[in-house]
Amino acid sequence: MKVLLDTCVWGGTKKNLQDAGHDVIWSGDWSEDPGDEEILAFAHRENRVLVTLDKDFGELVIVFGLSHSGIIRLTNISARQQGIACLEILEKHEKSVLVS
């Protein structure tokens, strides 16, 4: 699955997901933070599920109607457990995600 990790997600999560065969980009590798709207738009253009700790993406989608290709919001999960949690969620819901 194609995934975009928000900057706030622990960088080690990228390796966890890549080791499981996912195509992963971590916005923490970018030279600058383009802001939430551009991160969401990039994920949508690339057909990537966005993984974040930030509740603002939900507001962008629900309140402002911005398009997305899926959002996973991790809450109350330690940094080193984020990759494990993402893998569990992706495995559970991978078949329900439309891939173009």
N, C-alpha and C. Protein backbone atom coordinates (compact mmCIF):
# COMPACT_ATOMS: atom_id res chain seq x y z
N MET A 1 0.84 -1.17 0.00
CA MET A 1 0.00 0.00 0.00
C MET A 1 0.89 1.24 0.00
N LYS A 2 0.41 2.30 -0.60
CA LYS A 2 1.14 3.57 -0.64
C LYS A 2 0.74 4.41 0.57
N VAL A 3 1.75 4.86 1.31
CA VAL A 3 1.52 5.57 2.57
C VAL A 3 2.37 6.83 2.60
N LEU A 4 1.80 7.90 3.15
CA LEU A 4 2.55 9.11 3.45
C LEU A 4 2.50 9.31 4.95
N LEU A 5 3.65 9.33 5.59
CA LEU A 5 3.74 9.59 7.02
C LEU A 5 3.94 11.08 7.25
N ASP A 6 3.10 11.67 8.07
CA ASP A 6 3.24 13.07 8.45
C ASP A 6 4.52 13.22 9.26
N THR A 7 5.06 14.42 9.29
CA THR A 7 6.30 14.70 10.00
C THR A 7 6.23 14.31 11.47
N CYS A 8 5.06 14.44 12.08
CA CYS A 8 4.91 14.16 13.51
C CYS A 8 4.97 12.66 13.83
N VAL A 9 4.89 11.81 12.82
CA VAL A 9 4.98 10.36 13.04
C VAL A 9 6.46 10.01 13.17
N TRP A 10 6.78 9.14 14.11
CA TRP A 10 8.17 8.72 14.35
C TRP A 10 8.79 8.20 13.06
N GLY A 11 9.98 8.66 12.74
CA GLY A 11 10.67 8.28 11.51
C GLY A 11 10.92 6.79 11.38
N GLY A 12 11.08 6.09 12.48
CA GLY A 12 11.29 4.64 12.43
C GLY A 12 10.09 3.88 11.89
N THR A 13 8.94 4.51 11.89
CA THR A 13 7.73 3.89 11.35
C THR A 13 7.91 3.62 9.85
N LYS A 14 8.65 4.49 9.18
CA LYS A 14 8.91 4.32 7.74
C LYS A 14 9.56 2.97 7.47
N LYS A 15 10.58 2.64 8.24
CA LYS A 15 11.28 1.37 8.04
C LYS A 15 10.36 0.18 8.36
N ASN A 16 9.60 0.30 9.45
CA ASN A 16 8.66 -0.78 9.80
C ASN A 16 7.72 -1.09 8.65
N LEU A 17 7.16 -0.05 8.04
CA LEU A 17 6.20 -0.25 6.95
C LEU A 17 6.89 -0.72 5.68
N GLN A 18 8.07 -0.17 5.38
CA GLN A 18 8.81 -0.61 4.20
C GLN A 18 9.21 -2.07 4.32
N ASP A 19 9.64 -2.48 5.49
CA ASP A 19 10.03 -3.88 5.70
C ASP A 19 8.85 -4.82 5.46
N ALA A 20 7.63 -4.32 5.63
CA ALA A 20 6.43 -5.13 5.41
C ALA A 20 5.93 -5.02 3.96
N GLY A 21 6.69 -4.30 3.12
CA GLY A 21 6.36 -4.23 1.70
C GLY A 21 5.56 -3.03 1.26
N HIS A 22 5.36 -2.05 2.13
CA HIS A 22 4.59 -0.87 1.77
C HIS A 22 5.49 0.18 1.11
N ASP A 23 4.91 0.97 0.23
CA ASP A 23 5.58 2.09 -0.44
C ASP A 23 5.37 3.32 0.44
N VAL A 24 6.43 3.76 1.11
CA VAL A 24 6.29 4.77 2.17
C VAL A 24 7.14 6.00 1.90
N ILE A 25 6.51 7.15 2.08
CA ILE A 25 7.21 8.44 2.08
C ILE A 25 6.96 9.06 3.45
N TRP A 26 8.02 9.62 4.05
CA TRP A 26 7.89 10.32 5.33
C TRP A 26 8.16 11.80 5.06
N SER A 27 7.20 12.66 5.37
CA SER A 27 7.37 14.09 5.09
C SER A 27 8.50 14.69 5.92
N GLY A 28 8.95 14.01 6.94
CA GLY A 28 10.11 14.46 7.71
C GLY A 28 11.40 14.44 6.89
N ASP A 29 11.39 13.74 5.77
CA ASP A 29 12.56 13.72 4.87
C ASP A 29 12.57 14.91 3.93
N TRP A 30 11.46 15.66 3.84
CA TRP A 30 11.39 16.80 2.94
C TRP A 30 12.20 17.97 3.51
N SER A 31 12.66 18.85 2.66
CA SER A 31 13.50 19.97 3.10
C SER A 31 12.73 20.99 3.95
N GLU A 32 11.41 21.08 3.74
CA GLU A 32 10.59 21.96 4.58
C GLU A 32 9.19 21.40 4.67
N ASP A 33 8.48 21.83 5.69
CA ASP A 33 7.10 21.41 5.92
C ASP A 33 6.18 22.31 5.09
N PRO A 34 5.47 21.76 4.11
CA PRO A 34 4.63 22.59 3.25
C PRO A 34 3.28 22.97 3.88
N GLY A 35 2.98 22.43 5.03
CA GLY A 35 1.71 22.71 5.70
C GLY A 35 0.71 21.59 5.46
N ASP A 36 -0.30 21.54 6.32
CA ASP A 36 -1.25 20.44 6.32
C ASP A 36 -2.02 20.30 5.01
N GLU A 37 -2.48 21.42 4.44
CA GLU A 37 -3.27 21.33 3.21
C GLU A 37 -2.46 20.73 2.08
N GLU A 38 -1.21 21.12 1.95
CA GLU A 38 -0.37 20.58 0.86
C GLU A 38 0.00 19.13 1.13
N ILE A 39 0.23 18.77 2.37
CA ILE A 39 0.51 17.37 2.71
C ILE A 39 -0.69 16.50 2.33
N LEU A 40 -1.88 16.95 2.68
CA LEU A 40 -3.10 16.20 2.34
C LEU A 40 -3.28 16.12 0.83
N ALA A 41 -3.05 17.21 0.12
CA ALA A 41 -3.19 17.22 -1.34
C ALA A 41 -2.16 16.30 -1.99
N PHE A 42 -0.93 16.32 -1.50
CA PHE A 42 0.11 15.43 -2.03
C PHE A 42 -0.29 13.98 -1.85
N ALA A 43 -0.74 13.64 -0.65
CA ALA A 43 -1.15 12.25 -0.39
C ALA A 43 -2.28 11.85 -1.33
N HIS A 44 -3.23 12.73 -1.56
CA HIS A 44 -4.35 12.42 -2.45
C HIS A 44 -3.87 12.25 -3.90
N ARG A 45 -3.03 13.17 -4.38
CA ARG A 45 -2.49 13.07 -5.76
C ARG A 45 -1.75 11.76 -5.98
N GLU A 46 -1.04 11.32 -4.95
CA GLU A 46 -0.22 10.11 -5.04
C GLU A 46 -0.99 8.85 -4.65
N ASN A 47 -2.28 9.02 -4.31
CA ASN A 47 -3.13 7.90 -3.85
C ASN A 47 -2.49 7.19 -2.65
N ARG A 48 -2.07 7.99 -1.68
CA ARG A 48 -1.42 7.48 -0.47
C ARG A 48 -2.33 7.69 0.74
N VAL A 49 -2.34 6.72 1.62
CA VAL A 49 -3.01 6.87 2.91
C VAL A 49 -2.10 7.74 3.78
N LEU A 50 -2.67 8.75 4.37
CA LEU A 50 -1.91 9.65 5.25
C LEU A 50 -1.97 9.14 6.67
N VAL A 51 -0.81 9.02 7.30
CA VAL A 51 -0.74 8.61 8.71
C VAL A 51 -0.23 9.82 9.49
N THR A 52 -0.96 10.19 10.53
CA THR A 52 -0.64 11.39 11.29
C THR A 52 -1.02 11.23 12.76
N LEU A 53 -0.54 12.14 13.58
CA LEU A 53 -0.98 12.27 14.96
C LEU A 53 -1.89 13.49 15.10
N ASP A 54 -1.97 14.26 14.04
CA ASP A 54 -2.60 15.58 14.02
C ASP A 54 -4.09 15.51 13.70
N LYS A 55 -4.92 16.05 14.56
CA LYS A 55 -6.37 16.04 14.33
C LYS A 55 -6.81 17.06 13.28
N ASP A 56 -5.94 17.98 12.91
CA ASP A 56 -6.30 19.01 11.94
C ASP A 56 -6.68 18.45 10.57
N PHE A 57 -6.14 17.31 10.20
CA PHE A 57 -6.47 16.72 8.90
C PHE A 57 -7.94 16.30 8.85
N GLY A 58 -8.46 15.83 9.94
CA GLY A 58 -9.88 15.48 10.00
C GLY A 58 -10.74 16.70 9.75
N GLU A 59 -10.35 17.82 10.32
CA GLU A 59 -11.08 19.07 10.09
C GLU A 59 -11.02 19.47 8.63
N LEU A 60 -9.85 19.36 8.01
CA LEU A 60 -9.72 19.71 6.60
C LEU A 60 -10.65 18.88 5.72
N VAL A 61 -10.80 17.61 6.07
CA VAL A 61 -11.63 16.71 5.28
C VAL A 61 -13.11 16.89 5.60
N ILE A 62 -13.46 16.86 6.87
CA ILE A 62 -14.87 16.90 7.29
C ILE A 62 -15.47 18.30 7.14
N VAL A 63 -14.80 19.30 7.68
CA VAL A 63 -15.36 20.65 7.69
C VAL A 63 -15.20 21.35 6.33
N PHE A 64 -14.00 21.22 5.74
CA PHE A 64 -13.72 21.95 4.51
C PHE A 64 -13.87 21.10 3.25
N GLY A 65 -14.12 19.81 3.41
CA GLY A 65 -14.40 18.95 2.26
C GLY A 65 -13.23 18.66 1.35
N LEU A 66 -12.01 18.76 1.85
CA LEU A 66 -10.85 18.47 1.01
C LEU A 66 -10.77 16.97 0.72
N SER A 67 -10.29 16.65 -0.47
CA SER A 67 -10.19 15.25 -0.89
C SER A 67 -9.02 14.56 -0.21
N HIS A 68 -9.16 13.24 -0.09
CA HIS A 68 -8.09 12.44 0.53
C HIS A 68 -8.18 11.02 0.01
N SER A 69 -7.13 10.26 0.30
CA SER A 69 -7.08 8.83 -0.08
C SER A 69 -7.04 7.95 1.15
N GLY A 70 -7.51 8.47 2.26
CA GLY A 70 -7.51 7.74 3.52
C GLY A 70 -6.61 8.42 4.53
N ILE A 71 -7.05 8.42 5.77
CA ILE A 71 -6.28 9.02 6.86
C ILE A 71 -6.32 8.07 8.04
N ILE A 72 -5.15 7.82 8.60
CA ILE A 72 -5.03 7.07 9.85
C ILE A 72 -4.47 8.05 10.87
N ARG A 73 -5.22 8.28 11.94
CA ARG A 73 -4.75 9.14 13.02
C ARG A 73 -4.39 8.28 14.21
N LEU A 74 -3.13 8.35 14.59
CA LEU A 74 -2.64 7.58 15.73
C LEU A 74 -2.74 8.45 16.98
N THR A 75 -3.34 7.91 18.02
CA THR A 75 -3.44 8.64 19.29
C THR A 75 -3.01 7.75 20.44
N ASN A 76 -2.36 8.34 21.40
CA ASN A 76 -1.95 7.64 22.62
C ASN A 76 -1.12 6.39 22.33
N ILE A 77 -0.23 6.50 21.35
CA ILE A 77 0.65 5.38 20.99
C ILE A 77 2.08 5.90 21.06
N SER A 78 2.94 5.20 21.78
CA SER A 78 4.32 5.64 21.89
C SER A 78 4.99 5.60 20.52
N ALA A 79 6.01 6.41 20.37
CA ALA A 79 6.69 6.53 19.08
C ALA A 79 7.10 5.16 18.54
N ARG A 80 7.72 4.35 19.34
CA ARG A 80 8.24 3.06 18.87
C ARG A 80 7.14 2.04 18.58
N GLN A 81 5.92 2.32 19.01
CA GLN A 81 4.79 1.42 18.73
C GLN A 81 3.97 1.87 17.51
N GLN A 82 4.29 3.04 16.98
CA GLN A 82 3.51 3.58 15.86
C GLN A 82 3.56 2.69 14.62
N GLY A 83 4.73 2.16 14.31
CA GLY A 83 4.85 1.28 13.14
C GLY A 83 4.02 0.02 13.30
N ILE A 84 4.06 -0.57 14.48
CA ILE A 84 3.28 -1.78 14.75
C ILE A 84 1.79 -1.49 14.62
N ALA A 85 1.35 -0.36 15.18
CA ALA A 85 -0.06 0.01 15.11
C ALA A 85 -0.48 0.25 13.65
N CYS A 86 0.37 0.93 12.89
CA CYS A 86 0.06 1.17 11.47
C CYS A 86 -0.07 -0.14 10.71
N LEU A 87 0.83 -1.06 10.94
CA LEU A 87 0.77 -2.34 10.25
C LEU A 87 -0.51 -3.08 10.56
N GLU A 88 -0.91 -3.07 11.82
CA GLU A 88 -2.16 -3.73 12.20
C GLU A 88 -3.36 -3.10 11.50
N ILE A 89 -3.40 -1.78 11.47
CA ILE A 89 -4.51 -1.08 10.82
C ILE A 89 -4.51 -1.33 9.32
N LEU A 90 -3.36 -1.24 8.70
CA LEU A 90 -3.28 -1.45 7.25
C LEU A 90 -3.68 -2.87 6.88
N GLU A 91 -3.21 -3.85 7.64
CA GLU A 91 -3.59 -5.24 7.36
C GLU A 91 -5.09 -5.44 7.50
N LYS A 92 -5.66 -4.86 8.53
CA LYS A 92 -7.09 -5.04 8.78
C LYS A 92 -7.96 -4.39 7.70
N HIS A 93 -7.50 -3.27 7.17
CA HIS A 93 -8.34 -2.49 6.25
C HIS A 93 -7.83 -2.43 4.82
N GLU A 94 -6.74 -3.10 4.53
CA GLU A 94 -6.12 -2.99 3.20
C GLU A 94 -7.08 -3.35 2.08
N LYS A 95 -7.90 -4.36 2.25
CA LYS A 95 -8.80 -4.79 1.20
C LYS A 95 -9.94 -3.81 0.96
N SER A 96 -10.23 -2.96 1.94
CA SER A 96 -11.32 -2.01 1.77
C SER A 96 -10.85 -0.70 1.15
N VAL A 97 -9.53 -0.54 0.98
CA VAL A 97 -8.99 0.67 0.39
C VAL A 97 -8.95 0.52 -1.11
N LEU A 98 -9.51 1.50 -1.82
CA LEU A 98 -9.50 1.45 -3.28
C LEU A 98 -8.13 1.88 -3.76
N VAL A 99 -7.53 1.09 -4.58
CA VAL A 99 -6.22 1.40 -5.14
C VAL A 99 -6.38 1.58 -6.63
N SER A 100 -5.93 2.73 -7.14
CA SER A 100 -6.05 2.96 -8.57
C SER A 100 -4.73 2.73 -9.28
